[in-house]
Amino acid sequence: MRFILLLVLFSITIQLSEAATDSLIVKGRILNLNGRLYRQAPFINFSRNNILQPQSELSKQAPLEADGSFRVSLPMLFAQEEIYLDYGGRAFTTFLGSPGTVEITFNGDSLNKASKLFYFAGVNADANNQYAAYLAEVDKKLAGSKALGQDFFKSFWEKGPNEARRAAEQRTALRLSAIESATQNTVKSPALVEWVKANADEEQMQFLYEHALSNRYEVSKALQDSLKRLISPPLTGQRVVWANRFGDYADLLVEQRKFSNPNRTNSLPVRLMATLIRNNTPKLTPEEKQRLEQITLNGLAEKSELDFLNKLFAKNESVLNLLFNFERENRIYGDLFDSTATEFLKVRYLSKNLYKYTYKEQLALSKYIQSRTGSPQFSQSLDEIVRLEVKDSADIRQFVSFRDVKTDPTEALPGYYLTASNDRGTSWINRIIDGFKGNTIYLAKWNLADARSREELGYVPLLQARLPENTKFIFVHLPGEDFGLSDALLRQYVIRHQLKGVHVFLDNNQMMDLLFRLNPLDAATFSIIRPNGKFAAKNAPAPSALEKTVQAILEANK
């Protein structure tokens, strides 16, 4: 994979974040909303991005009134953010939001007919009303230039760094040129120009980071300097993808630094260790506190003092391990990058590793990292993500503690089924599949430690929302190098990410027995099984290929 990530439309419903101080009020009306349309789609979904997680948008539903009117409030962490409207899969648009009010009107009789469906008033109205025309012009220009459009990536990865930069710059220039033709009959919106330029520039930077990752070289100073804009508006889906690509690039450099200088990367300054122990160890005596303060002041420790630190460390080892590991990584960030990039990587440290921690560990580490972060936008973005992760803590506790697991799938929570067996893998899976005869099955093979698996499973709730009730999901977790990922963490992940269906956790012997039955038996691969129990596709489209996957499942259901 050439590190190209499509913007994911997986939505997670959230409450208004307490960390957010500004809000966007979205209100409007669907004209000519008839009863049939209202019953089929009684609400509109509004989504926004979080800079730390490209695989999830944050969304709220706006219920429709009988007259087609709606109203919803969305938190704004940046002064301008891209917002996505999705009306029951029938109408979709992107618009620019800012603190204030935007009014949106569209016609229920024209959902599949109008060339311009949505009309905006309020904040950023000029930019939003011109954006659809701009997108049409971009598509036209890209279609008219194969070298910069559909054939762009055919040779991009094989180009040298300078040649790749020139090609990316040419594509950016083409995208920007569409503004003039899109606004030739109206007054060009300054907000549209800034919005379009941000998307075009950050697409270019995304491609160049992907090129550096693909060809394993360090990016130019100019490209590194561009990271300062991570903290500036507008926050767009393209910004999130670019930031994620920079994160991938940073991970590569961090691993190289760990390998080349293990002594520095495996240690921490004595002052910092003493401070962490003093601030995060309960029930310290006055003498222990005084000695820690002295070590913090001197910055040096003899063997007896190091033994003293180790003794105190053992009093709260689980929490201190979290903080020590973070600070070791943070030390490398400071060696490699400037302040804005370092601030971003600090908060990203937890967001990329959430699956490794219990929700209590997530809360502890989030609180500490936010105390070490100088950017309100990054700090609030992390707070928002962690709130999502721990919001289902009661369901997580119930699901993790469920013990009445049998060979036949048992419902542990509404929509979530567990199964366990000592049988051979093939006979166990056959029994589960036989139990769902008459239904179409989408079978997902995954591993929690596999990044591709986690990325694809992020699309599952959206996929499930597009399918009929007689489509059943079976999730087969393949054993691998999980590095201590427990059954409890697996169950926790299932609830957090709304993976409704039957969950099968294989051991190594069961997996090997299924080598031919479920071929390919690799993480992040998928299959479709017909209602008669026969495979329609052993290597089916992934959840991220949403339209293609929905079509394949519906075809198998006939």
Protein backbone atom coordinates (compact mmCIF):
# COMPACT_ATOMS: atom_id res chain seq x y z
CA MET A 1 0.00 0.00 0.00
CA ARG A 2 1.39 3.40 -1.00
CA PHE A 3 0.23 5.11 2.15
CA ILE A 4 -2.84 6.60 0.51
CA LEU A 5 -5.70 6.96 2.95
CA LEU A 6 -9.24 7.76 1.90
CA LEU A 7 -11.19 10.03 4.17
CA VAL A 8 -13.36 7.79 6.27
CA LEU A 9 -17.01 8.54 6.82
CA PHE A 10 -17.38 6.43 9.95
CA SER A 11 -19.42 8.52 12.41
CA ILE A 12 -19.52 8.20 16.19
CA THR A 13 -22.31 10.04 18.01
CA ILE A 14 -20.95 12.34 20.73
CA GLN A 15 -22.24 14.79 23.24
CA LEU A 16 -21.07 18.40 23.12
CA SER A 17 -17.51 18.37 24.46
CA GLU A 18 -17.09 20.32 27.65
CA ALA A 19 -13.61 21.27 26.46
CA ALA A 20 -15.04 23.23 23.54
CA THR A 21 -15.81 26.89 24.19
CA ASP A 22 -17.28 27.78 20.77
CA SER A 23 -20.09 26.19 18.82
CA LEU A 24 -21.53 26.16 15.34
CA ILE A 25 -25.32 26.27 15.21
CA VAL A 26 -26.63 24.51 12.10
CA LYS A 27 -30.26 25.04 11.24
CA GLY A 28 -32.35 24.87 8.13
CA ARG A 29 -35.12 23.06 6.31
CA ILE A 30 -35.78 20.38 3.74
CA LEU A 31 -38.38 21.84 1.43
CA ASN A 32 -41.19 19.57 0.18
CA LEU A 33 -40.39 16.82 2.68
CA ASN A 34 -43.04 14.16 2.06
CA GLY A 35 -44.18 11.54 4.56
CA ARG A 36 -42.45 8.65 2.81
CA LEU A 37 -39.07 10.40 2.79
CA TYR A 38 -39.51 11.47 6.42
CA ARG A 39 -40.22 7.90 7.53
CA GLN A 40 -37.22 6.54 5.63
CA ALA A 41 -34.79 9.20 6.87
CA PRO A 42 -36.08 11.10 9.92
CA PHE A 43 -32.80 12.86 10.76
CA ILE A 44 -29.73 14.51 9.19
CA ASN A 45 -26.22 13.55 10.24
CA PHE A 46 -23.64 16.34 10.70
CA SER A 47 -20.01 15.29 11.10
CA ARG A 48 -16.71 17.02 11.76
CA ASN A 49 -13.09 15.92 12.01
CA ASN A 50 -10.64 15.35 14.80
CA ILE A 51 -7.03 15.99 13.83
CA LEU A 52 -5.84 12.94 15.78
CA GLN A 53 -7.98 10.27 14.14
CA PRO A 54 -8.39 10.13 10.37
CA GLN A 55 -10.50 6.98 10.65
CA SER A 56 -13.30 8.68 12.56
CA GLU A 57 -15.47 11.70 12.24
CA LEU A 58 -17.43 13.04 15.16
CA SER A 59 -21.11 13.44 14.47
CA LYS A 60 -24.45 14.50 15.83
CA GLN A 61 -27.90 13.77 14.48
CA ALA A 62 -30.38 16.56 13.84
CA PRO A 63 -33.95 15.17 14.07
CA LEU A 64 -36.31 16.46 11.40
CA GLU A 65 -39.51 18.20 12.38
CA ALA A 66 -42.67 17.47 10.43
CA ASP A 67 -42.17 20.62 8.33
CA GLY A 68 -38.63 19.54 7.40
CA SER A 69 -36.84 21.95 9.73
CA PHE A 70 -33.81 20.92 11.81
CA ARG A 71 -31.33 22.36 14.28
CA VAL A 72 -28.13 21.08 15.87
CA SER A 73 -25.11 22.47 17.73
CA LEU A 74 -21.54 21.31 17.00
CA PRO A 75 -18.43 22.15 19.05
CA MET A 76 -15.65 24.03 17.23
CA LEU A 77 -12.05 23.40 18.32
CA PHE A 78 -10.63 25.41 15.41
CA ALA A 79 -11.80 28.81 14.14
CA GLN A 80 -12.89 27.13 10.87
CA GLU A 81 -13.65 23.45 10.27
CA GLU A 82 -15.02 21.37 7.43
CA ILE A 83 -18.45 19.95 8.24
CA TYR A 84 -20.17 17.08 6.41
CA LEU A 85 -23.93 16.77 5.93
CA ASP A 86 -25.35 13.34 5.13
CA TYR A 87 -29.09 12.95 4.69
CA GLY A 88 -29.78 9.22 4.92
CA GLY A 89 -27.30 8.43 2.13
CA ARG A 90 -29.55 10.37 -0.28
CA ALA A 91 -27.82 13.75 -0.15
CA PHE A 92 -24.34 14.72 0.91
CA THR A 93 -22.34 17.95 1.01
CA THR A 94 -19.28 19.51 2.60
CA PHE A 95 -19.36 23.02 4.01
CA LEU A 96 -17.13 25.33 6.03
CA GLY A 97 -18.21 25.96 9.61
CA SER A 98 -17.18 28.62 12.13
CA PRO A 99 -18.52 29.66 15.54
CA GLY A 100 -21.87 31.22 14.79
CA THR A 101 -24.90 30.11 12.78
CA VAL A 102 -25.24 28.59 9.33
CA GLU A 103 -28.60 28.02 7.63
CA ILE A 104 -28.99 25.28 5.02
CA THR A 105 -31.92 24.76 2.68
CA PHE A 106 -32.46 22.00 0.12
CA ASN A 107 -35.40 20.53 -1.76
CA GLY A 108 -36.64 17.03 -0.98
CA ASP A 109 -38.06 16.75 -4.51
CA SER A 110 -34.65 17.38 -6.08
CA LEU A 111 -32.36 14.98 -4.20
CA ASN A 112 -31.23 13.17 -7.34
CA LYS A 113 -31.95 15.86 -9.90
CA ALA A 114 -30.56 19.30 -9.03
CA SER A 115 -27.08 20.29 -10.17
CA LYS A 116 -26.98 22.62 -7.16
CA LEU A 117 -29.01 21.20 -4.29
CA PHE A 118 -27.83 23.06 -1.18
CA TYR A 119 -28.18 26.78 -0.42
CA PHE A 120 -26.39 28.43 2.52
CA ALA A 121 -26.88 31.55 4.61
CA GLY A 122 -24.99 32.76 7.70
CA VAL A 123 -21.30 32.18 8.47
CA ASN A 124 -19.12 31.40 5.43
CA ALA A 125 -22.22 31.51 3.19
CA ASP A 126 -20.38 32.87 0.13
CA ALA A 127 -17.68 30.19 0.33
CA ASN A 128 -20.20 27.41 0.88
CA ASN A 129 -22.45 28.49 -2.00
CA GLN A 130 -19.45 28.61 -4.37
CA TYR A 131 -17.82 25.37 -3.22
CA ALA A 132 -19.95 22.96 -5.29
CA ALA A 133 -19.07 24.86 -8.49
CA TYR A 134 -15.39 24.74 -7.54
CA LEU A 135 -15.52 20.95 -7.03
CA ALA A 136 -17.15 20.50 -10.43
CA GLU A 137 -14.39 22.58 -12.05
CA VAL A 138 -11.66 20.60 -10.27
CA ASP A 139 -13.14 17.32 -11.49
CA LYS A 140 -13.29 18.72 -15.02
CA LYS A 141 -9.67 19.90 -14.95
CA LEU A 142 -8.36 16.65 -13.46
CA ALA A 143 -10.29 14.66 -16.06
CA GLY A 144 -8.75 16.82 -18.78
CA SER A 145 -5.19 16.23 -17.58
CA LYS A 146 -4.45 12.53 -17.23
CA ALA A 147 -0.88 13.19 -16.10
CA LEU A 148 -2.12 15.20 -13.11
CA GLY A 149 -5.39 13.29 -12.70
CA GLN A 150 -6.06 9.59 -13.14
CA ASP A 151 -2.47 8.73 -14.15
CA PHE A 152 -0.77 10.84 -11.48
CA PHE A 153 0.27 7.93 -9.28
CA LYS A 154 1.36 5.61 -12.07
CA SER A 155 4.89 6.99 -11.98
CA PHE A 156 4.84 9.26 -8.91
CA TRP A 157 6.42 6.77 -6.51
CA GLU A 158 9.34 6.03 -8.83
CA LYS A 159 10.27 9.71 -9.27
CA GLY A 160 13.19 11.27 -7.39
CA PRO A 161 12.40 13.70 -4.53
CA ASN A 162 12.78 16.86 -6.65
CA GLU A 163 10.80 15.48 -9.56
CA ALA A 164 8.05 14.28 -7.21
CA ARG A 165 7.89 17.74 -5.64
CA ARG A 166 7.51 19.41 -9.05
CA ALA A 167 4.75 16.98 -10.05
CA ALA A 168 2.88 17.60 -6.77
CA GLU A 169 3.25 21.37 -7.24
CA GLN A 170 1.78 21.12 -10.75
CA ARG A 171 -1.24 19.21 -9.44
CA THR A 172 -1.70 21.84 -6.72
CA ALA A 173 -1.55 24.65 -9.30
CA LEU A 174 -4.18 22.89 -11.41
CA ARG A 175 -6.51 22.52 -8.42
CA LEU A 176 -6.09 26.21 -7.54
CA SER A 177 -6.73 27.32 -11.11
CA ALA A 178 -10.27 25.94 -10.83
CA ILE A 179 -11.20 28.80 -8.50
CA GLU A 180 -11.13 31.36 -11.30
CA SER A 181 -13.35 29.43 -13.70
CA ALA A 182 -15.76 28.46 -10.88
CA THR A 183 -16.28 32.08 -9.82
CA GLN A 184 -16.10 33.90 -13.15
CA ASN A 185 -19.75 35.01 -12.91
CA THR A 186 -19.71 36.03 -9.25
CA VAL A 187 -17.56 37.78 -6.65
CA LYS A 188 -14.91 35.34 -5.48
CA SER A 189 -15.18 34.52 -1.78
CA PRO A 190 -11.90 35.12 0.16
CA ALA A 191 -12.89 32.31 2.55
CA LEU A 192 -13.30 29.94 -0.42
CA VAL A 193 -9.82 30.85 -1.68
CA GLU A 194 -8.27 30.15 1.74
CA TRP A 195 -10.23 26.90 2.11
CA VAL A 196 -9.34 25.62 -1.36
CA LYS A 197 -5.70 26.65 -1.02
CA ALA A 198 -5.41 24.87 2.33
CA ASN A 199 -6.81 21.66 0.83
CA ALA A 200 -4.61 21.85 -2.28
CA ASP A 201 -1.42 22.67 -0.35
CA GLU A 202 -2.01 19.98 2.24
CA GLU A 203 -2.78 17.37 -0.39
CA GLN A 204 0.61 18.22 -1.89
CA MET A 205 2.31 17.84 1.50
CA GLN A 206 0.50 14.56 2.10
CA PHE A 207 1.81 13.19 -1.20
CA LEU A 208 5.37 14.31 -0.46
CA TYR A 209 5.37 12.70 2.99
CA GLU A 210 3.99 9.52 1.43
CA HIS A 211 6.74 9.67 -1.18
CA ALA A 212 9.37 10.06 1.55
CA LEU A 213 7.88 7.12 3.45
CA SER A 214 7.70 4.95 0.34
CA ASN A 215 11.30 5.69 -0.66
CA ARG A 216 12.77 6.00 2.85
CA TYR A 217 14.40 9.43 2.80
CA GLU A 218 14.18 12.53 5.02
CA VAL A 219 11.90 15.32 3.88
CA SER A 220 13.18 18.79 3.00
CA LYS A 221 13.51 21.60 5.54
CA ALA A 222 10.70 23.50 3.80
CA LEU A 223 8.35 20.54 4.16
CA GLN A 224 9.20 20.17 7.84
CA ASP A 225 8.66 23.91 8.36
CA SER A 226 5.17 23.55 6.90
CA LEU A 227 4.14 21.62 10.02
CA LYS A 228 3.58 24.95 11.78
CA ARG A 229 0.24 25.16 9.97
CA LEU A 230 -1.08 22.06 11.79
CA ILE A 231 -2.44 24.33 14.49
CA SER A 232 -4.03 26.89 12.15
CA PRO A 233 -7.54 26.88 10.65
CA PRO A 234 -9.22 25.53 8.66
CA LEU A 235 -9.34 21.99 10.01
CA THR A 236 -10.24 19.85 6.99
CA GLY A 237 -10.40 16.16 6.21
CA GLN A 238 -7.34 16.70 4.02
CA ARG A 239 -5.49 18.27 6.98
CA VAL A 240 -6.24 15.21 9.09
CA VAL A 241 -4.93 12.84 6.41
CA TRP A 242 -1.76 14.92 5.98
CA ALA A 243 -1.21 15.07 9.75
CA ASN A 244 -1.58 11.30 9.91
CA ARG A 245 1.01 10.89 7.16
CA PHE A 246 3.40 13.13 9.05
CA GLY A 247 2.76 10.95 12.11
CA ASP A 248 3.70 7.84 10.11
CA TYR A 249 6.87 9.59 8.95
CA ALA A 250 7.69 10.66 12.53
CA ASP A 251 7.21 7.08 13.75
CA LEU A 252 9.82 5.93 11.23
CA LEU A 253 12.34 8.53 12.38
CA VAL A 254 11.66 7.72 16.05
CA GLU A 255 12.35 4.02 15.47
CA GLN A 256 15.57 4.87 13.63
CA ARG A 257 16.66 7.09 16.54
CA LYS A 258 15.90 4.35 19.07
CA PHE A 259 18.07 1.96 17.08
CA SER A 260 20.96 4.39 16.59
CA ASN A 261 21.04 5.84 20.11
CA PRO A 262 19.49 3.34 22.54
CA ASN A 263 21.20 4.74 25.65
CA ARG A 264 19.55 8.14 25.29
CA THR A 265 16.18 6.87 24.15
CA ASN A 266 15.88 4.26 26.92
CA SER A 267 16.72 6.65 29.75
CA LEU A 268 15.23 9.76 31.34
CA PRO A 269 16.87 12.69 33.17
CA VAL A 270 17.00 12.12 36.91
CA ARG A 271 15.17 15.38 37.60
CA LEU A 272 12.24 14.28 35.44
CA MET A 273 12.09 10.82 37.01
CA ALA A 274 12.06 12.31 40.51
CA THR A 275 9.35 14.80 39.54
CA LEU A 276 7.16 12.09 38.02
CA ILE A 277 7.51 9.89 41.09
CA ARG A 278 6.81 12.79 43.47
CA ASN A 279 3.68 13.91 41.59
CA ASN A 280 2.23 10.46 40.91
CA THR A 281 2.98 8.33 43.97
CA PRO A 282 0.34 8.22 46.74
CA LYS A 283 1.06 8.34 50.48
CA LEU A 284 4.60 9.68 50.36
CA THR A 285 6.05 10.58 53.74
CA PRO A 286 7.39 14.09 54.39
CA GLU A 287 10.92 12.64 54.40
CA GLU A 288 10.38 10.95 51.01
CA LYS A 289 8.99 14.16 49.53
CA GLN A 290 11.95 16.17 50.84
CA ARG A 291 14.45 13.69 49.44
CA LEU A 292 12.70 13.71 46.05
CA GLU A 293 12.79 17.51 46.00
CA GLN A 294 16.51 17.41 46.72
CA ILE A 295 17.11 14.97 43.87
CA THR A 296 15.02 17.19 41.58
CA LEU A 297 17.05 20.22 42.59
CA ASN A 298 20.47 18.58 42.17
CA GLY A 299 19.67 16.64 39.03
CA LEU A 300 22.19 13.98 40.01
CA ALA A 301 21.72 10.76 41.89
CA GLU A 302 24.13 8.36 43.53
CA LYS A 303 23.39 4.65 43.55
CA SER A 304 21.62 4.92 46.89
CA GLU A 305 19.33 7.60 45.47
CA LEU A 306 18.61 5.55 42.37
CA ASP A 307 17.71 2.63 44.64
CA PHE A 308 15.42 5.02 46.51
CA LEU A 309 13.74 6.08 43.27
CA ASN A 310 13.25 2.46 42.24
CA LYS A 311 11.66 1.68 45.59
CA LEU A 312 9.17 4.51 45.24
CA PHE A 313 8.56 3.63 41.60
CA ALA A 314 7.31 0.22 42.69
CA LYS A 315 4.59 1.86 44.79
CA ASN A 316 2.67 2.97 41.70
CA GLU A 317 4.40 1.03 38.94
CA SER A 318 1.47 0.69 36.54
CA VAL A 319 0.81 4.44 36.27
CA LEU A 320 4.47 5.47 36.37
CA ASN A 321 5.29 3.01 33.58
CA LEU A 322 2.75 4.78 31.39
CA LEU A 323 4.27 8.19 32.12
CA PHE A 324 7.90 7.04 31.82
CA ASN A 325 7.23 5.40 28.44
CA PHE A 326 5.53 8.55 27.19
CA GLU A 327 8.38 10.77 28.35
CA ARG A 328 10.97 8.54 26.66
CA GLU A 329 9.11 8.96 23.38
CA ASN A 330 8.55 12.67 23.99
CA ARG A 331 12.28 13.14 24.49
CA ILE A 332 12.89 11.83 20.97
CA TYR A 333 10.19 14.11 19.54
CA GLY A 334 12.06 17.10 20.96
CA ASP A 335 15.32 15.91 19.41
CA LEU A 336 13.79 15.54 15.94
CA PHE A 337 11.15 18.23 15.42
CA ASP A 338 10.14 21.81 16.11
CA SER A 339 7.66 22.88 18.78
CA THR A 340 4.41 22.62 16.76
CA ALA A 341 5.25 19.16 15.46
CA THR A 342 6.33 18.06 18.94
CA GLU A 343 3.07 19.33 20.44
CA PHE A 344 1.10 17.35 17.85
CA LEU A 345 3.13 14.18 18.40
CA LYS A 346 2.61 14.39 22.16
CA VAL A 347 -1.16 14.13 21.87
CA ARG A 348 -0.92 11.67 18.99
CA TYR A 349 1.12 9.32 21.22
CA LEU A 350 -2.01 8.37 23.14
CA SER A 351 -4.46 8.47 20.24
CA LYS A 352 -2.39 6.01 18.18
CA ASN A 353 -1.95 3.67 21.17
CA LEU A 354 -5.45 3.78 22.66
CA TYR A 355 -6.12 0.14 21.81
CA LYS A 356 -3.29 -0.92 24.13
CA TYR A 357 -4.74 0.63 27.28
CA THR A 358 -7.70 0.09 29.56
CA TYR A 359 -10.01 3.07 29.82
CA LYS A 360 -8.58 3.89 33.29
CA GLU A 361 -5.08 3.96 31.83
CA GLN A 362 -6.34 6.15 28.99
CA LEU A 363 -7.74 8.67 31.46
CA ALA A 364 -4.55 8.76 33.51
CA LEU A 365 -2.27 9.19 30.51
CA SER A 366 -4.57 11.74 28.87
CA LYS A 367 -4.60 13.89 31.99
CA TYR A 368 -0.82 13.86 32.16
CA ILE A 369 -0.23 14.53 28.45
CA GLN A 370 -2.65 17.45 28.48
CA SER A 371 -0.70 18.95 31.38
CA ARG A 372 2.39 18.82 29.12
CA THR A 373 0.68 20.31 26.05
CA GLY A 374 0.77 23.99 25.19
CA SER A 375 -1.75 23.95 22.32
CA PRO A 376 -5.42 24.30 23.33
CA GLN A 377 -6.57 22.84 19.98
CA PHE A 378 -4.41 19.73 20.35
CA SER A 379 -5.27 19.33 24.02
CA GLN A 380 -9.01 19.61 23.34
CA SER A 381 -8.70 17.21 20.40
CA LEU A 382 -7.15 14.60 22.69
CA ASP A 383 -9.77 15.20 25.35
CA GLU A 384 -12.50 14.69 22.74
CA ILE A 385 -11.02 11.38 21.56
CA VAL A 386 -10.56 10.03 25.08
CA ARG A 387 -14.13 10.98 26.01
CA LEU A 388 -15.32 8.87 23.09
CA GLU A 389 -13.14 5.97 24.18
CA VAL A 390 -14.38 5.84 27.78
CA LYS A 391 -18.03 6.82 27.23
CA ASP A 392 -19.07 3.14 27.06
CA SER A 393 -17.21 2.15 30.23
CA ALA A 394 -20.28 0.52 31.80
CA ASP A 395 -20.88 -1.64 28.70
CA ILE A 396 -17.16 -2.41 28.53
CA ARG A 397 -17.15 -3.66 32.14
CA GLN A 398 -20.20 -5.83 31.47
CA PHE A 399 -18.81 -7.25 28.24
CA VAL A 400 -15.34 -7.90 29.69
CA SER A 401 -16.78 -9.65 32.76
CA PHE A 402 -19.22 -11.84 30.77
CA ARG A 403 -18.35 -15.48 31.47
CA ASP A 404 -21.29 -17.56 30.19
CA VAL A 405 -19.61 -18.16 26.82
CA LYS A 406 -20.61 -21.29 24.86
CA THR A 407 -19.78 -22.92 21.55
CA ASP A 408 -22.91 -21.45 19.99
CA PRO A 409 -22.87 -17.63 19.90
CA THR A 410 -24.22 -16.12 23.12
CA GLU A 411 -25.47 -12.54 23.32
CA ALA A 412 -23.41 -10.77 26.00
CA LEU A 413 -24.82 -7.31 25.18
CA PRO A 414 -27.54 -6.35 22.69
CA GLY A 415 -26.03 -7.02 19.26
CA TYR A 416 -22.73 -8.39 20.61
CA TYR A 417 -22.20 -12.17 20.65
CA LEU A 418 -19.34 -14.23 22.07
CA THR A 419 -18.44 -17.84 21.36
CA ALA A 420 -15.70 -20.13 22.70
CA SER A 421 -14.70 -23.68 21.84
CA ASN A 422 -11.93 -26.22 22.19
CA ASP A 423 -13.03 -27.82 18.91
CA ARG A 424 -10.96 -27.72 15.75
CA GLY A 425 -11.19 -24.39 14.00
CA THR A 426 -12.95 -25.73 10.90
CA SER A 427 -15.71 -27.55 12.77
CA TRP A 428 -16.23 -24.54 15.07
CA ILE A 429 -16.56 -22.02 12.22
CA ASN A 430 -18.77 -24.41 10.20
CA ARG A 431 -21.12 -24.71 13.17
CA ILE A 432 -21.40 -20.92 13.46
CA ILE A 433 -21.98 -20.49 9.72
CA ASP A 434 -24.60 -23.25 9.68
CA GLY A 435 -26.44 -21.41 12.45
CA PHE A 436 -26.88 -18.41 10.16
CA LYS A 437 -28.17 -20.23 7.07
CA GLY A 438 -30.77 -18.12 5.34
CA ASN A 439 -28.71 -14.98 6.04
CA THR A 440 -25.84 -13.40 4.15
CA ILE A 441 -22.62 -13.34 6.20
CA TYR A 442 -19.79 -10.81 6.03
CA LEU A 443 -16.78 -12.44 7.69
CA ALA A 444 -13.91 -10.21 8.91
CA LYS A 445 -10.49 -11.65 9.77
CA TRP A 446 -8.49 -9.29 11.97
CA ASN A 447 -5.82 -8.86 14.60
CA LEU A 448 -5.85 -6.07 17.16
CA ALA A 449 -2.11 -5.40 16.81
CA ASP A 450 -2.49 -4.96 13.04
CA ALA A 451 -2.92 -1.31 12.02
CA ARG A 452 -4.66 -2.21 8.77
CA SER A 453 -7.24 -4.26 10.70
CA ARG A 454 -7.99 -1.37 13.03
CA GLU A 455 -8.30 1.01 10.09
CA GLU A 456 -10.75 -1.24 8.22
CA LEU A 457 -12.87 -2.10 11.26
CA GLY A 458 -13.43 1.62 11.74
CA TYR A 459 -15.73 1.50 8.71
CA VAL A 460 -17.84 -1.41 9.95
CA PRO A 461 -20.62 0.54 11.74
CA LEU A 462 -21.20 2.65 8.63
CA LEU A 463 -21.22 -0.50 6.48
CA GLN A 464 -23.71 -2.18 8.79
CA ALA A 465 -26.01 0.84 8.60
CA ARG A 466 -26.24 0.40 4.83
CA LEU A 467 -27.20 -3.29 4.86
CA PRO A 468 -30.46 -5.21 5.46
CA GLU A 469 -31.09 -6.97 8.76
CA ASN A 470 -30.45 -10.42 7.30
CA THR A 471 -26.76 -9.55 6.84
CA LYS A 472 -24.80 -11.00 9.75
CA PHE A 473 -21.23 -10.14 10.73
CA ILE A 474 -18.69 -12.65 12.06
CA PHE A 475 -15.40 -11.27 13.37
CA VAL A 476 -12.59 -13.83 13.53
CA HIS A 477 -9.62 -12.63 15.58
CA LEU A 478 -6.39 -14.26 14.44
CA PRO A 479 -3.66 -14.85 17.03
CA GLY A 480 -0.33 -13.19 16.39
CA GLU A 481 2.39 -11.13 18.01
CA ASP A 482 -0.04 -9.29 20.26
CA PHE A 483 2.56 -8.27 22.84
CA GLY A 484 0.38 -8.76 25.87
CA LEU A 485 -2.96 -7.69 24.37
CA SER A 486 -5.35 -9.53 26.66
CA ASP A 487 -8.81 -10.95 26.05
CA ALA A 488 -10.13 -8.04 28.11
CA LEU A 489 -8.53 -5.51 25.74
CA LEU A 490 -9.98 -7.37 22.76
CA ARG A 491 -13.47 -7.21 24.24
CA GLN A 492 -12.98 -3.57 25.19
CA TYR A 493 -12.02 -2.73 21.61
CA VAL A 494 -15.14 -4.46 20.27
CA ILE A 495 -17.45 -2.27 22.37
CA ARG A 496 -15.53 0.95 21.78
CA HIS A 497 -15.74 0.55 18.03
CA GLN A 498 -19.31 -0.75 17.84
CA LEU A 499 -18.39 -4.03 16.17
CA LYS A 500 -21.79 -5.66 16.46
CA GLY A 501 -21.89 -9.33 15.49
CA VAL A 502 -20.36 -12.66 16.50
CA HIS A 503 -16.81 -12.57 17.88
CA VAL A 504 -14.54 -15.59 17.53
CA PHE A 505 -11.09 -15.52 19.16
CA LEU A 506 -8.94 -18.30 17.71
CA ASP A 507 -5.85 -19.92 19.18
CA ASN A 508 -2.88 -20.90 16.98
CA ASN A 509 -4.00 -24.49 16.43
CA GLN A 510 -7.52 -23.47 15.44
CA MET A 511 -6.16 -20.86 13.06
CA MET A 512 -3.89 -23.38 11.31
CA ASP A 513 -6.81 -25.77 10.96
CA LEU A 514 -8.71 -23.00 9.12
CA LEU A 515 -5.87 -22.29 6.70
CA PHE A 516 -7.76 -23.60 3.66
CA ARG A 517 -11.35 -23.05 4.82
CA LEU A 518 -10.86 -19.28 5.27
CA ASN A 519 -8.10 -18.72 2.73
CA PRO A 520 -6.72 -16.04 2.66
CA LEU A 521 -6.16 -16.32 6.40
CA ASP A 522 -4.55 -12.93 6.88
CA ALA A 523 -5.50 -10.00 9.06
CA ALA A 524 -7.63 -7.33 7.36
CA THR A 525 -9.12 -9.75 4.82
CA PHE A 526 -12.83 -10.35 4.33
CA SER A 527 -15.26 -12.91 2.93
CA ILE A 528 -18.91 -13.01 1.90
CA ILE A 529 -21.03 -16.13 2.45
CA ARG A 530 -24.36 -16.68 0.69
CA PRO A 531 -27.58 -17.59 2.57
CA ASN A 532 -27.02 -21.24 1.49
CA GLY A 533 -23.72 -21.34 3.40
CA LYS A 534 -21.50 -21.25 0.29
CA PHE A 535 -18.83 -18.62 -0.26
CA ALA A 536 -19.76 -15.83 -2.66
CA ALA A 537 -16.25 -14.37 -2.31
CA LYS A 538 -13.35 -15.64 -0.22
CA ASN A 539 -11.41 -12.43 -0.79
CA ALA A 540 -14.19 -9.85 -0.65
CA PRO A 541 -13.95 -6.05 -0.72
CA ALA A 542 -12.96 -4.40 2.55
CA PRO A 543 -15.30 -2.19 4.62
CA SER A 544 -13.44 0.93 3.44
CA ALA A 545 -14.57 0.21 -0.15
CA LEU A 546 -18.05 1.02 1.09
CA GLU A 547 -20.08 1.20 -2.12
CA LYS A 548 -18.34 -1.79 -3.67
CA THR A 549 -18.74 -3.86 -0.51
CA VAL A 550 -22.43 -3.01 -0.08
CA GLN A 551 -23.08 -3.99 -3.71
CA ALA A 552 -21.18 -7.29 -3.33
CA ILE A 553 -23.13 -8.23 -0.19
CA LEU A 554 -26.48 -7.32 -1.76
CA GLU A 555 -25.61 -9.40 -4.84
CA ALA A 556 -24.77 -12.40 -2.63
CA ASN A 557 -28.12 -11.98 -0.89
CA LYS A 558 -30.15 -12.52 -4.09
